[in-house]
């Protein structure tokens, strides 16, 4: 099942295979960030 999920992730755009037109827009665009920015979000929220 995990292999199926991984394959689904690749086909859903995790690997960047889909074009911007085909890819579904994320419900919270502000959450599309780098690992460092995500950590900054957590730090700021905890503060």
ModelCIF file with pLDDT and N, C-alpha, C, O atoms, coordinates in Angstrom:
data_MODEL
#
_entry.id   MODEL 
#
_entity.id                         1 
_entity.type                       polymer 
_entity.pdbx_number_of_molecules   1 
#
_entity_poly.entity_id                      1 
_entity_poly.type                           'polypeptide(L)' 
_entity_poly.nstd_linkage                   no 
_entity_poly.nstd_monomer                   no 
_entity_poly.pdbx_seq_one_letter_code       
;(UNK)(UNK)(UNK)(UNK)(UNK)(UNK)(UNK)(UNK)(UNK)(UNK)(UNK)(UNK)(UNK)(UNK)(UNK)(UNK)
(UNK)(UNK)(UNK)(UNK)(UNK)(UNK)(UNK)(UNK)(UNK)(UNK)(UNK)(UNK)(UNK)(UNK)(UNK)(UNK)
(UNK)(UNK)(UNK)(UNK)(UNK)(UNK)(UNK)(UNK)(UNK)(UNK)(UNK)(UNK)(UNK)(UNK)(UNK)
;
_entity_poly.pdbx_seq_one_letter_code_can   XXXXXXXXXXXXXXXXXXXXXXXXXXXXXXXXXXXXXXXXXXXXXXX 
_entity_poly.pdbx_strand_id                 A 
#
loop_
_entity_poly_seq.entity_id 
_entity_poly_seq.num 
_entity_poly_seq.mon_id 
_entity_poly_seq.hetero 
1 1  UNK n 
1 2  UNK n 
1 3  UNK n 
1 4  UNK n 
1 5  UNK n 
1 6  UNK n 
1 7  UNK n 
1 8  UNK n 
1 9  UNK n 
1 10 UNK n 
1 11 UNK n 
1 12 UNK n 
1 13 UNK n 
1 14 UNK n 
1 15 UNK n 
1 16 UNK n 
1 17 UNK n 
1 18 UNK n 
1 19 UNK n 
1 20 UNK n 
1 21 UNK n 
1 22 UNK n 
1 23 UNK n 
1 24 UNK n 
1 25 UNK n 
1 26 UNK n 
1 27 UNK n 
1 28 UNK n 
1 29 UNK n 
1 30 UNK n 
1 31 UNK n 
1 32 UNK n 
1 33 UNK n 
1 34 UNK n 
1 35 UNK n 
1 36 UNK n 
1 37 UNK n 
1 38 UNK n 
1 39 UNK n 
1 40 UNK n 
1 41 UNK n 
1 42 UNK n 
1 43 UNK n 
1 44 UNK n 
1 45 UNK n 
1 46 UNK n 
1 47 UNK n 
#
_struct_asym.id          A 
_struct_asym.entity_id   1 
#
loop_
_ma_qa_metric.id 
_ma_qa_metric.mode 
_ma_qa_metric.name 
_ma_qa_metric.software_group_id 
_ma_qa_metric.type 
1 global pLDDT . pLDDT 
2 local  pLDDT . pLDDT 
#
_ma_qa_metric_global.metric_id      1 
_ma_qa_metric_global.metric_value   70.64 
_ma_qa_metric_global.model_id       1 
_ma_qa_metric_global.ordinal_id     1 
#
loop_
_ma_qa_metric_local.label_asym_id 
_ma_qa_metric_local.label_comp_id 
_ma_qa_metric_local.label_seq_id 
_ma_qa_metric_local.metric_id 
_ma_qa_metric_local.metric_value 
_ma_qa_metric_local.model_id 
_ma_qa_metric_local.ordinal_id 
A UNK 1  2 42.00 1 1  
A UNK 2  2 51.00 1 2  
A UNK 3  2 54.00 1 3  
A UNK 4  2 46.00 1 4  
A UNK 5  2 53.00 1 5  
A UNK 6  2 49.00 1 6  
A UNK 7  2 49.00 1 7  
A UNK 8  2 44.00 1 8  
A UNK 9  2 47.00 1 9  
A UNK 10 2 46.00 1 10 
A UNK 11 2 38.00 1 11 
A UNK 12 2 39.00 1 12 
A UNK 13 2 40.00 1 13 
A UNK 14 2 44.00 1 14 
A UNK 15 2 44.00 1 15 
A UNK 16 2 43.00 1 16 
A UNK 17 2 36.00 1 17 
A UNK 18 2 35.00 1 18 
A UNK 19 2 37.00 1 19 
A UNK 20 2 36.00 1 20 
A UNK 21 2 36.00 1 21 
A UNK 22 2 45.00 1 22 
A UNK 23 2 65.00 1 23 
A UNK 24 2 80.00 1 24 
A UNK 25 2 88.00 1 25 
A UNK 26 2 93.00 1 26 
A UNK 27 2 93.00 1 27 
A UNK 28 2 93.00 1 28 
A UNK 29 2 95.00 1 29 
A UNK 30 2 95.00 1 30 
A UNK 31 2 97.00 1 31 
A UNK 32 2 97.00 1 32 
A UNK 33 2 98.00 1 33 
A UNK 34 2 98.00 1 34 
A UNK 35 2 98.00 1 35 
A UNK 36 2 98.00 1 36 
A UNK 37 2 98.00 1 37 
A UNK 38 2 98.00 1 38 
A UNK 39 2 98.00 1 39 
A UNK 40 2 98.00 1 40 
A UNK 41 2 98.00 1 41 
A UNK 42 2 98.00 1 42 
A UNK 43 2 98.00 1 43 
A UNK 44 2 98.00 1 44 
A UNK 45 2 98.00 1 45 
A UNK 46 2 98.00 1 46 
A UNK 47 2 98.00 1 47 
#
loop_
_atom_site.group_PDB 
_atom_site.id 
_atom_site.type_symbol 
_atom_site.label_atom_id 
_atom_site.label_alt_id 
_atom_site.label_comp_id 
_atom_site.label_asym_id 
_atom_site.label_entity_id 
_atom_site.label_seq_id 
_atom_site.pdbx_PDB_ins_code 
_atom_site.Cartn_x 
_atom_site.Cartn_y 
_atom_site.Cartn_z 
_atom_site.occupancy 
_atom_site.B_iso_or_equiv 
_atom_site.pdbx_formal_charge 
_atom_site.auth_seq_id 
_atom_site.auth_comp_id 
_atom_site.auth_asym_id 
_atom_site.auth_atom_id 
_atom_site.pdbx_PDB_model_num 
ATOM 1   N N  . UNK A 1 1  ? 0.829  -1.198 0.000   1.00 42.00 ? 1  UNK A N  1 
ATOM 2   C CA . UNK A 1 1  ? 0.000  0.000  0.000   1.00 42.00 ? 1  UNK A CA 1 
ATOM 3   C C  . UNK A 1 1  ? 0.865  1.249  0.000   1.00 42.00 ? 1  UNK A C  1 
ATOM 4   O O  . UNK A 1 1  ? 0.541  2.228  -0.673  1.00 42.00 ? 1  UNK A O  1 
ATOM 5   N N  . UNK A 1 2  ? 1.974  1.225  0.757   1.00 51.00 ? 2  UNK A N  1 
ATOM 6   C CA . UNK A 1 2  ? 2.873  2.375  0.772   1.00 51.00 ? 2  UNK A CA 1 
ATOM 7   C C  . UNK A 1 2  ? 3.471  2.614  -0.603  1.00 51.00 ? 2  UNK A C  1 
ATOM 8   O O  . UNK A 1 2  ? 3.682  3.757  -1.007  1.00 51.00 ? 2  UNK A O  1 
ATOM 9   N N  . UNK A 1 3  ? 3.744  1.525  -1.322  1.00 54.00 ? 3  UNK A N  1 
ATOM 10  C CA . UNK A 1 3  ? 4.268  1.676  -2.681  1.00 54.00 ? 3  UNK A CA 1 
ATOM 11  C C  . UNK A 1 3  ? 3.214  2.343  -3.563  1.00 54.00 ? 3  UNK A C  1 
ATOM 12  O O  . UNK A 1 3  ? 3.532  3.171  -4.417  1.00 54.00 ? 3  UNK A O  1 
ATOM 13  N N  . UNK A 1 4  ? 1.947  1.964  -3.337  1.00 46.00 ? 4  UNK A N  1 
ATOM 14  C CA . UNK A 1 4  ? 0.876  2.595  -4.102  1.00 46.00 ? 4  UNK A CA 1 
ATOM 15  C C  . UNK A 1 4  ? 0.786  4.079  -3.787  1.00 46.00 ? 4  UNK A C  1 
ATOM 16  O O  . UNK A 1 4  ? 0.606  4.908  -4.679  1.00 46.00 ? 4  UNK A O  1 
ATOM 17  N N  . UNK A 1 5  ? 0.915  4.409  -2.484  1.00 53.00 ? 5  UNK A N  1 
ATOM 18  C CA . UNK A 1 5  ? 0.864  5.810  -2.082  1.00 53.00 ? 5  UNK A CA 1 
ATOM 19  C C  . UNK A 1 5  ? 2.026  6.592  -2.666  1.00 53.00 ? 5  UNK A C  1 
ATOM 20  O O  . UNK A 1 5  ? 1.858  7.725  -3.118  1.00 53.00 ? 5  UNK A O  1 
ATOM 21  N N  . UNK A 1 6  ? 3.212  5.980  -2.657  1.00 49.00 ? 6  UNK A N  1 
ATOM 22  C CA . UNK A 1 6  ? 4.388  6.655  -3.212  1.00 49.00 ? 6  UNK A CA 1 
ATOM 23  C C  . UNK A 1 6  ? 4.205  6.908  -4.700  1.00 49.00 ? 6  UNK A C  1 
ATOM 24  O O  . UNK A 1 6  ? 4.552  7.972  -5.212  1.00 49.00 ? 6  UNK A O  1 
ATOM 25  N N  . UNK A 1 7  ? 3.652  5.909  -5.387  1.00 49.00 ? 7  UNK A N  1 
ATOM 26  C CA . UNK A 1 7  ? 3.411  6.064  -6.817  1.00 49.00 ? 7  UNK A CA 1 
ATOM 27  C C  . UNK A 1 7  ? 2.372  7.140  -7.070  1.00 49.00 ? 7  UNK A C  1 
ATOM 28  O O  . UNK A 1 7  ? 2.483  7.927  -8.010  1.00 49.00 ? 7  UNK A O  1 
ATOM 29  N N  . UNK A 1 8  ? 1.349  7.158  -6.203  1.00 44.00 ? 8  UNK A N  1 
ATOM 30  C CA . UNK A 1 8  ? 0.317  8.181  -6.339  1.00 44.00 ? 8  UNK A CA 1 
ATOM 31  C C  . UNK A 1 8  ? 0.897  9.560  -6.101  1.00 44.00 ? 8  UNK A C  1 
ATOM 32  O O  . UNK A 1 8  ? 0.527  10.524 -6.772  1.00 44.00 ? 8  UNK A O  1 
ATOM 33  N N  . UNK A 1 9  ? 1.815  9.651  -5.134  1.00 47.00 ? 9  UNK A N  1 
ATOM 34  C CA . UNK A 1 9  ? 2.437  10.937 -4.851  1.00 47.00 ? 9  UNK A CA 1 
ATOM 35  C C  . UNK A 1 9  ? 3.222  11.442 -6.032  1.00 47.00 ? 9  UNK A C  1 
ATOM 36  O O  . UNK A 1 9  ? 3.195  12.634 -6.340  1.00 47.00 ? 9  UNK A O  1 
ATOM 37  N N  . UNK A 1 10 ? 3.927  10.538 -6.701  1.00 46.00 ? 10 UNK A N  1 
ATOM 38  C CA . UNK A 1 10 ? 4.694  10.942 -7.872  1.00 46.00 ? 10 UNK A CA 1 
ATOM 39  C C  . UNK A 1 10 ? 3.771  11.420 -8.977  1.00 46.00 ? 10 UNK A C  1 
ATOM 40  O O  . UNK A 1 10 ? 4.038  12.426 -9.634  1.00 46.00 ? 10 UNK A O  1 
ATOM 41  N N  . UNK A 1 11 ? 2.659  10.676 -9.179  1.00 38.00 ? 11 UNK A N  1 
ATOM 42  C CA . UNK A 1 11 ? 1.740  11.058 -10.244 1.00 38.00 ? 11 UNK A CA 1 
ATOM 43  C C  . UNK A 1 11 ? 0.957  12.310 -9.899  1.00 38.00 ? 11 UNK A C  1 
ATOM 44  O O  . UNK A 1 11 ? 0.457  13.001 -10.786 1.00 38.00 ? 11 UNK A O  1 
ATOM 45  N N  . UNK A 1 12 ? 0.850  12.606 -8.591  1.00 39.00 ? 12 UNK A N  1 
ATOM 46  C CA . UNK A 1 12 ? 0.084  13.789 -8.170  1.00 39.00 ? 12 UNK A CA 1 
ATOM 47  C C  . UNK A 1 12 ? 0.917  15.059 -8.187  1.00 39.00 ? 12 UNK A C  1 
ATOM 48  O O  . UNK A 1 12 ? 0.396  16.144 -7.926  1.00 39.00 ? 12 UNK A O  1 
ATOM 49  N N  . UNK A 1 13 ? 2.206  14.938 -8.491  1.00 40.00 ? 13 UNK A N  1 
ATOM 50  C CA . UNK A 1 13 ? 3.006  16.140 -8.621  1.00 40.00 ? 13 UNK A CA 1 
ATOM 51  C C  . UNK A 1 13 ? 4.095  16.288 -7.592  1.00 40.00 ? 13 UNK A C  1 
ATOM 52  O O  . UNK A 1 13 ? 4.795  17.300 -7.592  1.00 40.00 ? 13 UNK A O  1 
ATOM 53  N N  . UNK A 1 14 ? 4.272  15.300 -6.694  1.00 44.00 ? 14 UNK A N  1 
ATOM 54  C CA . UNK A 1 14 ? 5.325  15.406 -5.681  1.00 44.00 ? 14 UNK A CA 1 
ATOM 55  C C  . UNK A 1 14 ? 6.693  15.505 -6.343  1.00 44.00 ? 14 UNK A C  1 
ATOM 56  O O  . UNK A 1 14 ? 7.573  16.213 -5.855  1.00 44.00 ? 14 UNK A O  1 
ATOM 57  N N  . UNK A 1 15 ? 6.869  14.800 -7.446  1.00 44.00 ? 15 UNK A N  1 
ATOM 58  C CA . UNK A 1 15 ? 8.156  14.835 -8.139  1.00 44.00 ? 15 UNK A CA 1 
ATOM 59  C C  . UNK A 1 15 ? 8.235  15.977 -9.141  1.00 44.00 ? 15 UNK A C  1 
ATOM 60  O O  . UNK A 1 15 ? 9.241  16.137 -9.832  1.00 44.00 ? 15 UNK A O  1 
ATOM 61  N N  . UNK A 1 16 ? 7.181  16.762 -9.216  1.00 43.00 ? 16 UNK A N  1 
ATOM 62  C CA . UNK A 1 16 ? 7.189  17.895 -10.139 1.00 43.00 ? 16 UNK A CA 1 
ATOM 63  C C  . UNK A 1 16 ? 6.922  17.503 -11.568 1.00 43.00 ? 16 UNK A C  1 
ATOM 64  O O  . UNK A 1 16 ? 7.245  18.252 -12.490 1.00 43.00 ? 16 UNK A O  1 
ATOM 65  N N  . UNK A 1 17 ? 6.332  16.329 -11.767 1.00 36.00 ? 17 UNK A N  1 
ATOM 66  C CA . UNK A 1 17 ? 6.132  15.841 -13.120 1.00 36.00 ? 17 UNK A CA 1 
ATOM 67  C C  . UNK A 1 17 ? 4.989  16.552 -13.832 1.00 36.00 ? 17 UNK A C  1 
ATOM 68  O O  . UNK A 1 17 ? 5.011  16.707 -15.053 1.00 36.00 ? 17 UNK A O  1 
ATOM 69  N N  . UNK A 1 18 ? 3.976  16.989 -13.057 1.00 35.00 ? 18 UNK A N  1 
ATOM 70  C CA . UNK A 1 18 ? 2.848  17.639 -13.692 1.00 35.00 ? 18 UNK A CA 1 
ATOM 71  C C  . UNK A 1 18 ? 3.144  19.108 -13.951 1.00 35.00 ? 18 UNK A C  1 
ATOM 72  O O  . UNK A 1 18 ? 3.924  19.735 -13.235 1.00 35.00 ? 18 UNK A O  1 
ATOM 73  N N  . UNK A 1 19 ? 2.526  19.635 -14.959 1.00 37.00 ? 19 UNK A N  1 
ATOM 74  C CA . UNK A 1 19 ? 2.675  21.053 -15.245 1.00 37.00 ? 19 UNK A CA 1 
ATOM 75  C C  . UNK A 1 19 ? 1.834  21.853 -14.273 1.00 37.00 ? 19 UNK A C  1 
ATOM 76  O O  . UNK A 1 19 ? 0.956  21.299 -13.612 1.00 37.00 ? 19 UNK A O  1 
ATOM 77  N N  . UNK A 1 20 ? 2.087  23.147 -14.176 1.00 36.00 ? 20 UNK A N  1 
ATOM 78  C CA . UNK A 1 20 ? 1.335  24.010 -13.265 1.00 36.00 ? 20 UNK A CA 1 
ATOM 79  C C  . UNK A 1 20 ? -0.145 23.999 -13.630 1.00 36.00 ? 20 UNK A C  1 
ATOM 80  O O  . UNK A 1 20 ? -1.003 24.107 -12.754 1.00 36.00 ? 20 UNK A O  1 
ATOM 81  N N  . UNK A 1 21 ? -0.443 23.869 -14.910 1.00 36.00 ? 21 UNK A N  1 
ATOM 82  C CA . UNK A 1 21 ? -1.827 23.867 -15.353 1.00 36.00 ? 21 UNK A CA 1 
ATOM 83  C C  . UNK A 1 21 ? -2.558 22.645 -14.851 1.00 36.00 ? 21 UNK A C  1 
ATOM 84  O O  . UNK A 1 21 ? -3.722 22.733 -14.459 1.00 36.00 ? 21 UNK A O  1 
ATOM 85  N N  . UNK A 1 22 ? -1.876 21.481 -14.858 1.00 45.00 ? 22 UNK A N  1 
ATOM 86  C CA . UNK A 1 22 ? -2.501 20.229 -14.459 1.00 45.00 ? 22 UNK A CA 1 
ATOM 87  C C  . UNK A 1 22 ? -2.556 20.078 -12.945 1.00 45.00 ? 22 UNK A C  1 
ATOM 88  O O  . UNK A 1 22 ? -3.481 19.459 -12.420 1.00 45.00 ? 22 UNK A O  1 
ATOM 89  N N  . UNK A 1 23 ? -1.574 20.639 -12.235 1.00 65.00 ? 23 UNK A N  1 
ATOM 90  C CA . UNK A 1 23 ? -1.497 20.465 -10.791 1.00 65.00 ? 23 UNK A CA 1 
ATOM 91  C C  . UNK A 1 23 ? -2.598 21.264 -10.104 1.00 65.00 ? 23 UNK A C  1 
ATOM 92  O O  . UNK A 1 23 ? -2.886 22.400 -10.482 1.00 65.00 ? 23 UNK A O  1 
ATOM 93  N N  . UNK A 1 24 ? -3.208 20.654 -9.090  1.00 80.00 ? 24 UNK A N  1 
ATOM 94  C CA . UNK A 1 24 ? -4.271 21.304 -8.342  1.00 80.00 ? 24 UNK A CA 1 
ATOM 95  C C  . UNK A 1 24 ? -3.671 22.311 -7.373  1.00 80.00 ? 24 UNK A C  1 
ATOM 96  O O  . UNK A 1 24 ? -2.695 22.006 -6.687  1.00 80.00 ? 24 UNK A O  1 
ATOM 97  N N  . UNK A 1 25 ? -4.237 23.490 -7.311  1.00 88.00 ? 25 UNK A N  1 
ATOM 98  C CA . UNK A 1 25 ? -3.731 24.529 -6.411  1.00 88.00 ? 25 UNK A CA 1 
ATOM 99  C C  . UNK A 1 25 ? -3.925 24.094 -4.966  1.00 88.00 ? 25 UNK A C  1 
ATOM 100 O O  . UNK A 1 25 ? -4.986 23.573 -4.622  1.00 88.00 ? 25 UNK A O  1 
ATOM 101 N N  . UNK A 1 26 ? -2.919 24.296 -4.107  1.00 93.00 ? 26 UNK A N  1 
ATOM 102 C CA . UNK A 1 26 ? -3.040 23.899 -2.705  1.00 93.00 ? 26 UNK A CA 1 
ATOM 103 C C  . UNK A 1 26 ? -4.084 24.749 -1.994  1.00 93.00 ? 26 UNK A C  1 
ATOM 104 O O  . UNK A 1 26 ? -4.213 25.935 -2.298  1.00 93.00 ? 26 UNK A O  1 
ATOM 105 N N  . UNK A 1 27 ? -4.838 24.171 -1.048  1.00 93.00 ? 27 UNK A N  1 
ATOM 106 C CA . UNK A 1 27 ? -5.864 24.934 -0.340  1.00 93.00 ? 27 UNK A CA 1 
ATOM 107 C C  . UNK A 1 27 ? -5.289 26.059 0.525   1.00 93.00 ? 27 UNK A C  1 
ATOM 108 O O  . UNK A 1 27 ? -5.963 27.061 0.766   1.00 93.00 ? 27 UNK A O  1 
ATOM 109 N N  . UNK A 1 28 ? -4.053 25.898 0.990   1.00 93.00 ? 28 UNK A N  1 
ATOM 110 C CA . UNK A 1 28 ? -3.401 26.948 1.771   1.00 93.00 ? 28 UNK A CA 1 
ATOM 111 C C  . UNK A 1 28 ? -2.056 27.265 1.117   1.00 93.00 ? 28 UNK A C  1 
ATOM 112 O O  . UNK A 1 28 ? -1.030 26.715 1.518   1.00 93.00 ? 28 UNK A O  1 
ATOM 113 N N  . UNK A 1 29 ? -2.050 28.139 0.124   1.00 95.00 ? 29 UNK A N  1 
ATOM 114 C CA . UNK A 1 29 ? -0.809 28.463 -0.597  1.00 95.00 ? 29 UNK A CA 1 
ATOM 115 C C  . UNK A 1 29 ? 0.305  28.959 0.315   1.00 95.00 ? 29 UNK A C  1 
ATOM 116 O O  . UNK A 1 29 ? 1.483  28.764 0.018   1.00 95.00 ? 29 UNK A O  1 
ATOM 117 N N  . UNK A 1 30 ? -0.059 29.601 1.425   1.00 95.00 ? 30 UNK A N  1 
ATOM 118 C CA . UNK A 1 30 ? 0.957  30.117 2.351   1.00 95.00 ? 30 UNK A CA 1 
ATOM 119 C C  . UNK A 1 30 ? 1.750  29.008 3.026   1.00 95.00 ? 30 UNK A C  1 
ATOM 120 O O  . UNK A 1 30 ? 2.794  29.267 3.624   1.00 95.00 ? 30 UNK A O  1 
ATOM 121 N N  . UNK A 1 31 ? 1.259  27.770 2.933   1.00 97.00 ? 31 UNK A N  1 
ATOM 122 C CA . UNK A 1 31 ? 1.964  26.638 3.539   1.00 97.00 ? 31 UNK A CA 1 
ATOM 123 C C  . UNK A 1 31 ? 2.976  25.990 2.602   1.00 97.00 ? 31 UNK A C  1 
ATOM 124 O O  . UNK A 1 31 ? 3.681  25.065 3.005   1.00 97.00 ? 31 UNK A O  1 
ATOM 125 N N  . UNK A 1 32 ? 3.057  26.453 1.376   1.00 97.00 ? 32 UNK A N  1 
ATOM 126 C CA . UNK A 1 32 ? 4.032  25.909 0.428   1.00 97.00 ? 32 UNK A CA 1 
ATOM 127 C C  . UNK A 1 32 ? 5.345  26.644 0.663   1.00 97.00 ? 32 UNK A C  1 
ATOM 128 O O  . UNK A 1 32 ? 5.608  27.688 0.065   1.00 97.00 ? 32 UNK A O  1 
ATOM 129 N N  . UNK A 1 33 ? 6.160  26.079 1.541   1.00 98.00 ? 33 UNK A N  1 
ATOM 130 C CA . UNK A 1 33 ? 7.385  26.745 1.982   1.00 98.00 ? 33 UNK A CA 1 
ATOM 131 C C  . UNK A 1 33 ? 8.540  25.752 2.040   1.00 98.00 ? 33 UNK A C  1 
ATOM 132 O O  . UNK A 1 33 ? 8.342  24.546 1.897   1.00 98.00 ? 33 UNK A O  1 
ATOM 133 N N  . UNK A 1 34 ? 9.739  26.269 2.252   1.00 98.00 ? 34 UNK A N  1 
ATOM 134 C CA . UNK A 1 34 ? 10.926 25.437 2.416   1.00 98.00 ? 34 UNK A CA 1 
ATOM 135 C C  . UNK A 1 34 ? 10.954 24.859 3.825   1.00 98.00 ? 34 UNK A C  1 
ATOM 136 O O  . UNK A 1 34 ? 10.234 25.343 4.698   1.00 98.00 ? 34 UNK A O  1 
ATOM 137 N N  . UNK A 1 35 ? 11.770 23.833 4.067   1.00 98.00 ? 35 UNK A N  1 
ATOM 138 C CA . UNK A 1 35 ? 11.904 23.294 5.428   1.00 98.00 ? 35 UNK A CA 1 
ATOM 139 C C  . UNK A 1 35 ? 12.306 24.356 6.451   1.00 98.00 ? 35 UNK A C  1 
ATOM 140 O O  . UNK A 1 35 ? 11.781 24.378 7.564   1.00 98.00 ? 35 UNK A O  1 
ATOM 141 N N  . UNK A 1 36 ? 13.230 25.231 6.079   1.00 98.00 ? 36 UNK A N  1 
ATOM 142 C CA . UNK A 1 36 ? 13.673 26.277 7.015   1.00 98.00 ? 36 UNK A CA 1 
ATOM 143 C C  . UNK A 1 36 ? 12.558 27.272 7.313   1.00 98.00 ? 36 UNK A C  1 
ATOM 144 O O  . UNK A 1 36 ? 12.408 27.719 8.450   1.00 98.00 ? 36 UNK A O  1 
ATOM 145 N N  . UNK A 1 37 ? 11.777 27.618 6.295   1.00 98.00 ? 37 UNK A N  1 
ATOM 146 C CA . UNK A 1 37 ? 10.672 28.547 6.512   1.00 98.00 ? 37 UNK A CA 1 
ATOM 147 C C  . UNK A 1 37 ? 9.588  27.899 7.379   1.00 98.00 ? 37 UNK A C  1 
ATOM 148 O O  . UNK A 1 37 ? 8.972  28.567 8.209   1.00 98.00 ? 37 UNK A O  1 
ATOM 149 N N  . UNK A 1 38 ? 9.363  26.614 7.185   1.00 98.00 ? 38 UNK A N  1 
ATOM 150 C CA . UNK A 1 38 ? 8.388  25.901 8.014   1.00 98.00 ? 38 UNK A CA 1 
ATOM 151 C C  . UNK A 1 38 ? 8.813  25.908 9.476   1.00 98.00 ? 38 UNK A C  1 
ATOM 152 O O  . UNK A 1 38 ? 7.986  26.090 10.370  1.00 98.00 ? 38 UNK A O  1 
ATOM 153 N N  . UNK A 1 39 ? 10.101 25.709 9.713   1.00 98.00 ? 39 UNK A N  1 
ATOM 154 C CA . UNK A 1 39 ? 10.616 25.747 11.082  1.00 98.00 ? 39 UNK A CA 1 
ATOM 155 C C  . UNK A 1 39 ? 10.461 27.150 11.671  1.00 98.00 ? 39 UNK A C  1 
ATOM 156 O O  . UNK A 1 39 ? 10.176 27.301 12.860  1.00 98.00 ? 39 UNK A O  1 
ATOM 157 N N  . UNK A 1 40 ? 10.646 28.156 10.850  1.00 98.00 ? 40 UNK A N  1 
ATOM 158 C CA . UNK A 1 40 ? 10.461 29.545 11.292  1.00 98.00 ? 40 UNK A CA 1 
ATOM 159 C C  . UNK A 1 40 ? 9.000  29.785 11.680  1.00 98.00 ? 40 UNK A C  1 
ATOM 160 O O  . UNK A 1 40 ? 8.721  30.471 12.664  1.00 98.00 ? 40 UNK A O  1 
ATOM 161 N N  . UNK A 1 41 ? 8.075  29.223 10.908  1.00 98.00 ? 41 UNK A N  1 
ATOM 162 C CA . UNK A 1 41 ? 6.655  29.334 11.239  1.00 98.00 ? 41 UNK A CA 1 
ATOM 163 C C  . UNK A 1 41 ? 6.371  28.756 12.624  1.00 98.00 ? 41 UNK A C  1 
ATOM 164 O O  . UNK A 1 41 ? 5.657  29.357 13.426  1.00 98.00 ? 41 UNK A O  1 
ATOM 165 N N  . UNK A 1 42 ? 6.946  27.571 12.892  1.00 98.00 ? 42 UNK A N  1 
ATOM 166 C CA . UNK A 1 42 ? 6.732  26.944 14.198  1.00 98.00 ? 42 UNK A CA 1 
ATOM 167 C C  . UNK A 1 42 ? 7.303  27.809 15.316  1.00 98.00 ? 42 UNK A C  1 
ATOM 168 O O  . UNK A 1 42 ? 6.663  28.003 16.350  1.00 98.00 ? 42 UNK A O  1 
ATOM 169 N N  . UNK A 1 43 ? 8.501  28.322 15.104  1.00 98.00 ? 43 UNK A N  1 
ATOM 170 C CA . UNK A 1 43 ? 9.160  29.154 16.116  1.00 98.00 ? 43 UNK A CA 1 
ATOM 171 C C  . UNK A 1 43 ? 8.335  30.408 16.405  1.00 98.00 ? 43 UNK A C  1 
ATOM 172 O O  . UNK A 1 43 ? 8.128  30.766 17.564  1.00 98.00 ? 43 UNK A O  1 
ATOM 173 N N  . UNK A 1 44 ? 7.874  31.063 15.362  1.00 98.00 ? 44 UNK A N  1 
ATOM 174 C CA . UNK A 1 44 ? 7.088  32.280 15.535  1.00 98.00 ? 44 UNK A CA 1 
ATOM 175 C C  . UNK A 1 44 ? 5.756  31.988 16.224  1.00 98.00 ? 44 UNK A C  1 
ATOM 176 O O  . UNK A 1 44 ? 5.305  32.756 17.074  1.00 98.00 ? 44 UNK A O  1 
ATOM 177 N N  . UNK A 1 45 ? 5.129  30.867 15.846  1.00 98.00 ? 45 UNK A N  1 
ATOM 178 C CA . UNK A 1 45 ? 3.871  30.500 16.469  1.00 98.00 ? 45 UNK A CA 1 
ATOM 179 C C  . UNK A 1 45 ? 4.033  30.187 17.942  1.00 98.00 ? 45 UNK A C  1 
ATOM 180 O O  . UNK A 1 45 ? 3.187  30.553 18.758  1.00 98.00 ? 45 UNK A O  1 
ATOM 181 N N  . UNK A 1 46 ? 5.128  29.506 18.288  1.00 98.00 ? 46 UNK A N  1 
ATOM 182 C CA . UNK A 1 46 ? 5.376  29.203 19.699  1.00 98.00 ? 46 UNK A CA 1 
ATOM 183 C C  . UNK A 1 46 ? 5.657  30.464 20.495  1.00 98.00 ? 46 UNK A C  1 
ATOM 184 O O  . UNK A 1 46 ? 5.246  30.578 21.650  1.00 98.00 ? 46 UNK A O  1 
ATOM 185 N N  . UNK A 1 47 ? 6.351  31.404 19.888  1.00 98.00 ? 47 UNK A N  1 
ATOM 186 C CA . UNK A 1 47 ? 6.595  32.685 20.562  1.00 98.00 ? 47 UNK A CA 1 
ATOM 187 C C  . UNK A 1 47 ? 5.283  33.399 20.871  1.00 98.00 ? 47 UNK A C  1 
ATOM 188 O O  . UNK A 1 47 ? 5.294  34.492 21.437  1.00 98.00 ? 47 UNK A O  1 
#
